[in-house]
Amino acid sequence: SRTQEDLRRIAGIHAEWVILARRAFSIYDV
């Protein structure tokens, strides 16, 4: 039942949250 679309979506979700995490770390750095 594994689909290429599910794998692509999970990869995209991970990439978007990495970007959000870096933004949060940058803003709250000091």
PDB file of all heavy atoms in Angstrom:
ATOM      1  N   SER A   1       0.810  -1.231   0.000  1.00  0.00           N
ATOM      2  CA  SER A   1       0.000   0.000   0.000  1.00  0.00           C
ATOM      3  C   SER A   1       0.839   1.275   0.000  1.00  0.00           C
ATOM      4  O   SER A   1       0.298   2.361   0.039  1.00  0.00           O
ATOM      5  CB  SER A   1      -0.928   0.009   1.225  1.00  0.00           C
ATOM      6  OG  SER A   1      -0.179  -0.047   2.424  1.00  0.00           O
ATOM      7  N   ARG A   2       2.171   1.122  -0.005  1.00  0.00           N
ATOM      8  CA  ARG A   2       3.024   2.300  -0.002  1.00  0.00           C
ATOM      9  C   ARG A   2       2.922   3.016  -1.346  1.00  0.00           C
ATOM     10  O   ARG A   2       2.937   2.390  -2.398  1.00  0.00           O
ATOM     11  CB  ARG A   2       4.459   1.874   0.264  1.00  0.00           C
ATOM     12  CG  ARG A   2       5.450   3.010   0.355  1.00  0.00           C
ATOM     13  CD  ARG A   2       6.859   2.474   0.346  1.00  0.00           C
ATOM     14  NE  ARG A   2       7.077   1.516   1.411  1.00  0.00           N
ATOM     15  CZ  ARG A   2       7.995   0.561   1.379  1.00  0.00           C
ATOM     16  NH1 ARG A   2       8.773   0.431   0.313  1.00  0.00           N
ATOM     17  NH2 ARG A   2       8.129  -0.270   2.389  1.00  0.00           N
ATOM     18  N   THR A   3       2.799   4.337  -1.302  1.00  0.00           N
ATOM     19  CA  THR A   3       2.660   5.116  -2.529  1.00  0.00           C
ATOM     20  C   THR A   3       3.760   6.155  -2.618  1.00  0.00           C
ATOM     21  O   THR A   3       4.295   6.617  -1.608  1.00  0.00           O
ATOM     22  CB  THR A   3       1.288   5.819  -2.585  1.00  0.00           C
ATOM     23  OG1 THR A   3       1.211   6.762  -1.507  1.00  0.00           O
ATOM     24  CG2 THR A   3       0.144   4.822  -2.453  1.00  0.00           C
ATOM     25  N   GLN A   4       4.079   6.505  -3.851  1.00  0.00           N
ATOM     26  CA  GLN A   4       5.094   7.524  -4.079  1.00  0.00           C
ATOM     27  C   GLN A   4       4.621   8.873  -3.552  1.00  0.00           C
ATOM     28  O   GLN A   4       5.414   9.660  -3.028  1.00  0.00           O
ATOM     29  CB  GLN A   4       5.385   7.619  -5.575  1.00  0.00           C
ATOM     30  CG  GLN A   4       6.365   8.724  -5.938  1.00  0.00           C
ATOM     31  CD  GLN A   4       6.471   8.915  -7.427  1.00  0.00           C
ATOM     32  OE1 GLN A   4       5.913   8.129  -8.198  1.00  0.00           O
ATOM     33  NE2 GLN A   4       7.154   9.968  -7.850  1.00  0.00           N
ATOM     34  N   GLU A   5       3.305   9.148  -3.655  1.00  0.00           N
ATOM     35  CA  GLU A   5       2.765  10.424  -3.206  1.00  0.00           C
ATOM     36  C   GLU A   5       2.937  10.604  -1.701  1.00  0.00           C
ATOM     37  O   GLU A   5       3.284  11.693  -1.228  1.00  0.00           O
ATOM     38  CB  GLU A   5       1.281  10.519  -3.578  1.00  0.00           C
ATOM     39  CG  GLU A   5       0.640  11.855  -3.259  1.00  0.00           C
ATOM     40  CD  GLU A   5       1.254  12.988  -4.048  1.00  0.00           C
ATOM     41  OE1 GLU A   5       1.817  12.743  -5.128  1.00  0.00           O
ATOM     42  OE2 GLU A   5       1.165  14.141  -3.557  1.00  0.00           O
ATOM     43  N   ASP A   6       2.709   9.541  -0.910  1.00  0.00           N
ATOM     44  CA  ASP A   6       2.897   9.627   0.543  1.00  0.00           C
ATOM     45  C   ASP A   6       4.347   9.936   0.896  1.00  0.00           C
ATOM     46  O   ASP A   6       4.629  10.771   1.771  1.00  0.00           O
ATOM     47  CB  ASP A   6       2.465   8.319   1.219  1.00  0.00           C
ATOM     48  CG  ASP A   6       0.958   8.172   1.274  1.00  0.00           C
ATOM     49  OD1 ASP A   6       0.264   9.200   1.167  1.00  0.00           O
ATOM     50  OD2 ASP A   6       0.469   7.033   1.420  1.00  0.00           O
ATOM     51  N   LEU A   7       5.265   9.255   0.217  1.00  0.00           N
ATOM     52  CA  LEU A   7       6.686   9.486   0.489  1.00  0.00           C
ATOM     53  C   LEU A   7       7.088  10.913   0.130  1.00  0.00           C
ATOM     54  O   LEU A   7       7.844  11.561   0.873  1.00  0.00           O
ATOM     55  CB  LEU A   7       7.524   8.481  -0.298  1.00  0.00           C
ATOM     56  CG  LEU A   7       9.024   8.453   0.003  1.00  0.00           C
ATOM     57  CD1 LEU A   7       9.276   8.150   1.475  1.00  0.00           C
ATOM     58  CD2 LEU A   7       9.721   7.424  -0.879  1.00  0.00           C
ATOM     59  N   ARG A   8       6.565  11.423  -0.988  1.00  0.00           N
ATOM     60  CA  ARG A   8       6.884  12.787  -1.383  1.00  0.00           C
ATOM     61  C   ARG A   8       6.328  13.785  -0.370  1.00  0.00           C
ATOM     62  O   ARG A   8       6.991  14.770  -0.017  1.00  0.00           O
ATOM     63  CB  ARG A   8       6.317  13.074  -2.767  1.00  0.00           C
ATOM     64  CG  ARG A   8       6.646  14.493  -3.254  1.00  0.00           C
ATOM     65  CD  ARG A   8       6.001  14.824  -4.594  1.00  0.00           C
ATOM     66  NE  ARG A   8       6.555  13.997  -5.658  1.00  0.00           N
ATOM     67  CZ  ARG A   8       5.869  13.055  -6.308  1.00  0.00           C
ATOM     68  NH1 ARG A   8       4.603  12.828  -5.984  1.00  0.00           N
ATOM     69  NH2 ARG A   8       6.423  12.352  -7.262  1.00  0.00           N
ATOM     70  N   ARG A   9       5.128  13.542   0.116  1.00  0.00           N
ATOM     71  CA  ARG A   9       4.523  14.462   1.080  1.00  0.00           C
ATOM     72  C   ARG A   9       5.274  14.463   2.410  1.00  0.00           C
ATOM     73  O   ARG A   9       5.519  15.523   3.004  1.00  0.00           O
ATOM     74  CB  ARG A   9       3.062  14.083   1.314  1.00  0.00           C
ATOM     75  CG  ARG A   9       2.135  14.444   0.162  1.00  0.00           C
ATOM     76  CD  ARG A   9       0.705  14.097   0.494  1.00  0.00           C
ATOM     77  NE  ARG A   9      -0.212  14.540  -0.552  1.00  0.00           N
ATOM     78  CZ  ARG A   9      -1.530  14.370  -0.498  1.00  0.00           C
ATOM     79  NH1 ARG A   9      -2.075  13.774   0.559  1.00  0.00           N
ATOM     80  NH2 ARG A   9      -2.297  14.796  -1.486  1.00  0.00           N
ATOM     81  N   ILE A  10       5.661  13.278   2.881  1.00  0.00           N
ATOM     82  CA  ILE A  10       6.400  13.198   4.145  1.00  0.00           C
ATOM     83  C   ILE A  10       7.750  13.899   4.014  1.00  0.00           C
ATOM     84  O   ILE A  10       8.192  14.612   4.925  1.00  0.00           O
ATOM     85  CB  ILE A  10       6.588  11.731   4.573  1.00  0.00           C
ATOM     86  CG1 ILE A  10       5.228  11.067   4.819  1.00  0.00           C
ATOM     87  CG2 ILE A  10       7.440  11.644   5.830  1.00  0.00           C
ATOM     88  CD1 ILE A  10       4.387  11.750   5.865  1.00  0.00           C
ATOM     89  N   ALA A  11       8.408  13.721   2.886  1.00  0.00           N
ATOM     90  CA  ALA A  11       9.690  14.404   2.652  1.00  0.00           C
ATOM     91  C   ALA A  11       9.497  15.915   2.632  1.00  0.00           C
ATOM     92  O   ALA A  11      10.308  16.669   3.191  1.00  0.00           O
ATOM     93  CB  ALA A  11      10.307  13.921   1.347  1.00  0.00           C
ATOM     94  N   GLY A  12       8.415  16.376   2.002  1.00  0.00           N
ATOM     95  CA  GLY A  12       8.152  17.809   1.967  1.00  0.00           C
ATOM     96  C   GLY A  12       7.828  18.378   3.335  1.00  0.00           C
ATOM     97  O   GLY A  12       8.267  19.479   3.688  1.00  0.00           O
ATOM     98  N   ILE A  13       7.076  17.616   4.137  1.00  0.00           N
ATOM     99  CA  ILE A  13       6.745  18.051   5.503  1.00  0.00           C
ATOM    100  C   ILE A  13       8.012  18.192   6.333  1.00  0.00           C
ATOM    101  O   ILE A  13       8.192  19.174   7.062  1.00  0.00           O
ATOM    102  CB  ILE A  13       5.763  17.052   6.158  1.00  0.00           C
ATOM    103  CG1 ILE A  13       4.385  17.155   5.501  1.00  0.00           C
ATOM    104  CG2 ILE A  13       5.658  17.303   7.669  1.00  0.00           C
ATOM    105  CD1 ILE A  13       3.413  16.082   5.934  1.00  0.00           C
ATOM    106  N   HIS A  14       8.894  17.209   6.230  1.00  0.00           N
ATOM    107  CA  HIS A  14      10.149  17.253   6.984  1.00  0.00           C
ATOM    108  C   HIS A  14      10.970  18.473   6.580  1.00  0.00           C
ATOM    109  O   HIS A  14      11.502  19.195   7.445  1.00  0.00           O
ATOM    110  CB  HIS A  14      10.935  15.972   6.739  1.00  0.00           C
ATOM    111  CG  HIS A  14      12.191  15.878   7.540  1.00  0.00           C
ATOM    112  ND1 HIS A  14      13.375  16.428   7.110  1.00  0.00           N
ATOM    113  CD2 HIS A  14      12.450  15.306   8.752  1.00  0.00           C
ATOM    114  CE1 HIS A  14      14.315  16.198   8.011  1.00  0.00           C
ATOM    115  NE2 HIS A  14      13.778  15.522   9.014  1.00  0.00           N
ATOM    116  N   ALA A  15      11.076  18.732   5.290  1.00  0.00           N
ATOM    117  CA  ALA A  15      11.871  19.875   4.815  1.00  0.00           C
ATOM    118  C   ALA A  15      11.283  21.199   5.309  1.00  0.00           C
ATOM    119  O   ALA A  15      12.023  22.104   5.716  1.00  0.00           O
ATOM    120  CB  ALA A  15      11.943  19.854   3.289  1.00  0.00           C
ATOM    121  N   GLU A  16       9.960  21.321   5.292  1.00  0.00           N
ATOM    122  CA  GLU A  16       9.330  22.568   5.739  1.00  0.00           C
ATOM    123  C   GLU A  16       9.541  22.797   7.230  1.00  0.00           C
ATOM    124  O   GLU A  16       9.765  23.936   7.670  1.00  0.00           O
ATOM    125  CB  GLU A  16       7.837  22.522   5.412  1.00  0.00           C
ATOM    126  CG  GLU A  16       7.540  22.615   3.920  1.00  0.00           C
ATOM    127  CD  GLU A  16       6.066  22.438   3.609  1.00  0.00           C
ATOM    128  OE1 GLU A  16       5.267  22.336   4.564  1.00  0.00           O
ATOM    129  OE2 GLU A  16       5.724  22.400   2.418  1.00  0.00           O
ATOM    130  N   TRP A  17       9.494  21.741   8.025  1.00  0.00           N
ATOM    131  CA  TRP A  17       9.689  21.919   9.464  1.00  0.00           C
ATOM    132  C   TRP A  17      11.146  22.175   9.819  1.00  0.00           C
ATOM    133  O   TRP A  17      11.437  22.823  10.824  1.00  0.00           O
ATOM    134  CB  TRP A  17       9.136  20.710  10.223  1.00  0.00           C
ATOM    135  CG  TRP A  17       7.654  20.823  10.399  1.00  0.00           C
ATOM    136  CD1 TRP A  17       6.683  20.214   9.660  1.00  0.00           C
ATOM    137  CD2 TRP A  17       6.977  21.653  11.344  1.00  0.00           C
ATOM    138  NE1 TRP A  17       5.444  20.606  10.088  1.00  0.00           N
ATOM    139  CE2 TRP A  17       5.583  21.477  11.120  1.00  0.00           C
ATOM    140  CE3 TRP A  17       7.391  22.515  12.345  1.00  0.00           C
ATOM    141  CZ2 TRP A  17       4.624  22.142  11.881  1.00  0.00           C
ATOM    142  CZ3 TRP A  17       6.436  23.178  13.101  1.00  0.00           C
ATOM    143  CH2 TRP A  17       5.073  22.990  12.872  1.00  0.00           C
ATOM    144  N   VAL A  18      12.069  21.687   9.009  1.00  0.00           N
ATOM    145  CA  VAL A  18      13.480  22.040   9.222  1.00  0.00           C
ATOM    146  C   VAL A  18      13.676  23.547   9.004  1.00  0.00           C
ATOM    147  O   VAL A  18      14.372  24.218   9.774  1.00  0.00           O
ATOM    148  CB  VAL A  18      14.389  21.226   8.278  1.00  0.00           C
ATOM    149  CG1 VAL A  18      15.812  21.774   8.300  1.00  0.00           C
ATOM    150  CG2 VAL A  18      14.408  19.758   8.679  1.00  0.00           C
ATOM    151  N   ILE A  19      13.040  24.078   7.963  1.00  0.00           N
ATOM    152  CA  ILE A  19      13.136  25.521   7.703  1.00  0.00           C
ATOM    153  C   ILE A  19      12.517  26.311   8.851  1.00  0.00           C
ATOM    154  O   ILE A  19      13.081  27.316   9.320  1.00  0.00           O
ATOM    155  CB  ILE A  19      12.442  25.859   6.367  1.00  0.00           C
ATOM    156  CG1 ILE A  19      13.199  25.211   5.208  1.00  0.00           C
ATOM    157  CG2 ILE A  19      12.351  27.371   6.176  1.00  0.00           C
ATOM    158  CD1 ILE A  19      12.505  25.348   3.866  1.00  0.00           C
ATOM    159  N   LEU A  20      11.361  25.861   9.353  1.00  0.00           N
ATOM    160  CA  LEU A  20      10.712  26.550  10.469  1.00  0.00           C
ATOM    161  C   LEU A  20      11.568  26.485  11.734  1.00  0.00           C
ATOM    162  O   LEU A  20      11.663  27.460  12.487  1.00  0.00           O
ATOM    163  CB  LEU A  20       9.338  25.922  10.743  1.00  0.00           C
ATOM    164  CG  LEU A  20       8.162  26.467   9.937  1.00  0.00           C
ATOM    165  CD1 LEU A  20       6.888  25.727  10.312  1.00  0.00           C
ATOM    166  CD2 LEU A  20       7.988  27.955  10.142  1.00  0.00           C
ATOM    167  N   ALA A  21      12.194  25.328  11.977  1.00  0.00           N
ATOM    168  CA  ALA A  21      13.051  25.180  13.156  1.00  0.00           C
ATOM    169  C   ALA A  21      14.241  26.133  13.085  1.00  0.00           C
ATOM    170  O   ALA A  21      14.602  26.768  14.084  1.00  0.00           O
ATOM    171  CB  ALA A  21      13.533  23.733  13.278  1.00  0.00           C
ATOM    172  N   ARG A  22      14.844  26.253  11.913  1.00  0.00           N
ATOM    173  CA  ARG A  22      15.976  27.172  11.767  1.00  0.00           C
ATOM    174  C   ARG A  22      15.537  28.626  11.956  1.00  0.00           C
ATOM    175  O   ARG A  22      16.259  29.423  12.559  1.00  0.00           O
ATOM    176  CB  ARG A  22      16.607  26.983  10.386  1.00  0.00           C
ATOM    177  CG  ARG A  22      17.413  25.692  10.270  1.00  0.00           C
ATOM    178  CD  ARG A  22      17.904  25.473   8.875  1.00  0.00           C
ATOM    179  NE  ARG A  22      18.761  24.289   8.808  1.00  0.00           N
ATOM    180  CZ  ARG A  22      19.131  23.696   7.689  1.00  0.00           C
ATOM    181  NH1 ARG A  22      18.723  24.191   6.526  1.00  0.00           N
ATOM    182  NH2 ARG A  22      19.892  22.629   7.713  1.00  0.00           N
ATOM    183  N   ARG A  23      14.363  28.971  11.451  1.00  0.00           N
ATOM    184  CA  ARG A  23      13.846  30.325  11.674  1.00  0.00           C
ATOM    185  C   ARG A  23      13.626  30.594  13.155  1.00  0.00           C
ATOM    186  O   ARG A  23      13.971  31.662  13.671  1.00  0.00           O
ATOM    187  CB  ARG A  23      12.530  30.504  10.914  1.00  0.00           C
ATOM    188  CG  ARG A  23      12.689  30.783   9.434  1.00  0.00           C
ATOM    189  CD  ARG A  23      11.340  30.885   8.774  1.00  0.00           C
ATOM    190  NE  ARG A  23      10.511  31.931   9.388  1.00  0.00           N
ATOM    191  CZ  ARG A  23       9.200  32.061   9.169  1.00  0.00           C
ATOM    192  NH1 ARG A  23       8.583  31.214   8.346  1.00  0.00           N
ATOM    193  NH2 ARG A  23       8.520  33.027   9.748  1.00  0.00           N
ATOM    194  N   ALA A  24      13.037  29.621  13.856  1.00  0.00           N
ATOM    195  CA  ALA A  24      12.783  29.792  15.289  1.00  0.00           C
ATOM    196  C   ALA A  24      14.086  29.933  16.062  1.00  0.00           C
ATOM    197  O   ALA A  24      14.219  30.807  16.928  1.00  0.00           O
ATOM    198  CB  ALA A  24      11.977  28.606  15.824  1.00  0.00           C
ATOM    199  N   PHE A  25      15.073  29.087  15.753  1.00  0.00           N
ATOM    200  CA  PHE A  25      16.372  29.178  16.436  1.00  0.00           C
ATOM    201  C   PHE A  25      17.044  30.519  16.157  1.00  0.00           C
ATOM    202  O   PHE A  25      17.687  31.100  17.039  1.00  0.00           O
ATOM    203  CB  PHE A  25      17.278  28.043  15.982  1.00  0.00           C
ATOM    204  CG  PHE A  25      16.861  26.685  16.497  1.00  0.00           C
ATOM    205  CD1 PHE A  25      17.311  25.527  15.879  1.00  0.00           C
ATOM    206  CD2 PHE A  25      16.026  26.572  17.586  1.00  0.00           C
ATOM    207  CE1 PHE A  25      16.933  24.286  16.347  1.00  0.00           C
ATOM    208  CE2 PHE A  25      15.630  25.323  18.068  1.00  0.00           C
ATOM    209  CZ  PHE A  25      16.093  24.186  17.446  1.00  0.00           C
ATOM    210  N   SER A  26      16.894  31.011  14.930  1.00  0.00           N
ATOM    211  CA  SER A  26      17.519  32.293  14.584  1.00  0.00           C
ATOM    212  C   SER A  26      16.867  33.453  15.331  1.00  0.00           C
ATOM    213  O   SER A  26      17.554  34.337  15.852  1.00  0.00           O
ATOM    214  CB  SER A  26      17.426  32.513  13.072  1.00  0.00           C
ATOM    215  OG  SER A  26      17.887  33.785  12.716  1.00  0.00           O
ATOM    216  N   ILE A  27      15.529  33.462  15.388  1.00  0.00           N
ATOM    217  CA  ILE A  27      14.826  34.564  16.043  1.00  0.00           C
ATOM    218  C   ILE A  27      15.077  34.563  17.545  1.00  0.00           C
ATOM    219  O   ILE A  27      15.306  35.606  18.158  1.00  0.00           O
ATOM    220  CB  ILE A  27      13.318  34.481  15.737  1.00  0.00           C
ATOM    221  CG1 ILE A  27      13.065  34.731  14.248  1.00  0.00           C
ATOM    222  CG2 ILE A  27      12.536  35.496  16.580  1.00  0.00           C
ATOM    223  CD1 ILE A  27      11.627  34.509  13.815  1.00  0.00           C
ATOM    224  N   TYR A  28      15.052  33.380  18.151  1.00  0.00           N
ATOM    225  CA  TYR A  28      15.196  33.275  19.606  1.00  0.00           C
ATOM    226  C   TYR A  28      16.647  33.130  20.048  1.00  0.00           C
ATOM    227  O   TYR A  28      16.899  32.830  21.213  1.00  0.00           O
ATOM    228  CB  TYR A  28      14.405  32.066  20.130  1.00  0.00           C
ATOM    229  CG  TYR A  28      12.919  32.295  20.217  1.00  0.00           C
ATOM    230  CD1 TYR A  28      12.074  31.906  19.189  1.00  0.00           C
ATOM    231  CD2 TYR A  28      12.350  32.890  21.337  1.00  0.00           C
ATOM    232  CE1 TYR A  28      10.705  32.098  19.263  1.00  0.00           C
ATOM    233  CE2 TYR A  28      10.986  33.090  21.426  1.00  0.00           C
ATOM    234  CZ  TYR A  28      10.171  32.689  20.391  1.00  0.00           C
ATOM    235  OH  TYR A  28       8.825  32.894  20.478  1.00  0.00           O
ATOM    236  N   ASP A  29      17.595  33.343  19.164  1.00  0.00           N
ATOM    237  CA  ASP A  29      18.994  33.039  19.442  1.00  0.00           C
ATOM    238  C   ASP A  29      19.525  33.794  20.659  1.00  0.00           C
ATOM    239  O   ASP A  29      20.014  33.201  21.628  1.00  0.00           O
ATOM    240  CB  ASP A  29      19.840  33.359  18.206  1.00  0.00           C
ATOM    241  CG  ASP A  29      21.264  32.842  18.327  1.00  0.00           C
ATOM    242  OD1 ASP A  29      21.502  31.965  19.183  1.00  0.00           O
ATOM    243  OD2 ASP A  29      22.126  33.309  17.585  1.00  0.00           O
ATOM    244  N   VAL A  30      19.436  35.117  20.637  1.00  0.00           N
ATOM    245  CA  VAL A  30      20.006  35.929  21.716  1.00  0.00           C
ATOM    246  C   VAL A  30      19.264  35.678  23.028  1.00  0.00           C
ATOM    247  O   VAL A  30      19.883  35.560  24.098  1.00  0.00           O
ATOM    248  CB  VAL A  30      19.973  37.418  21.342  1.00  0.00           C
ATOM    249  CG1 VAL A  30      20.480  38.277  22.495  1.00  0.00           C
ATOM    250  CG2 VAL A  30      20.808  37.668  20.091  1.00  0.00           C
TER     251      VAL A  30
END
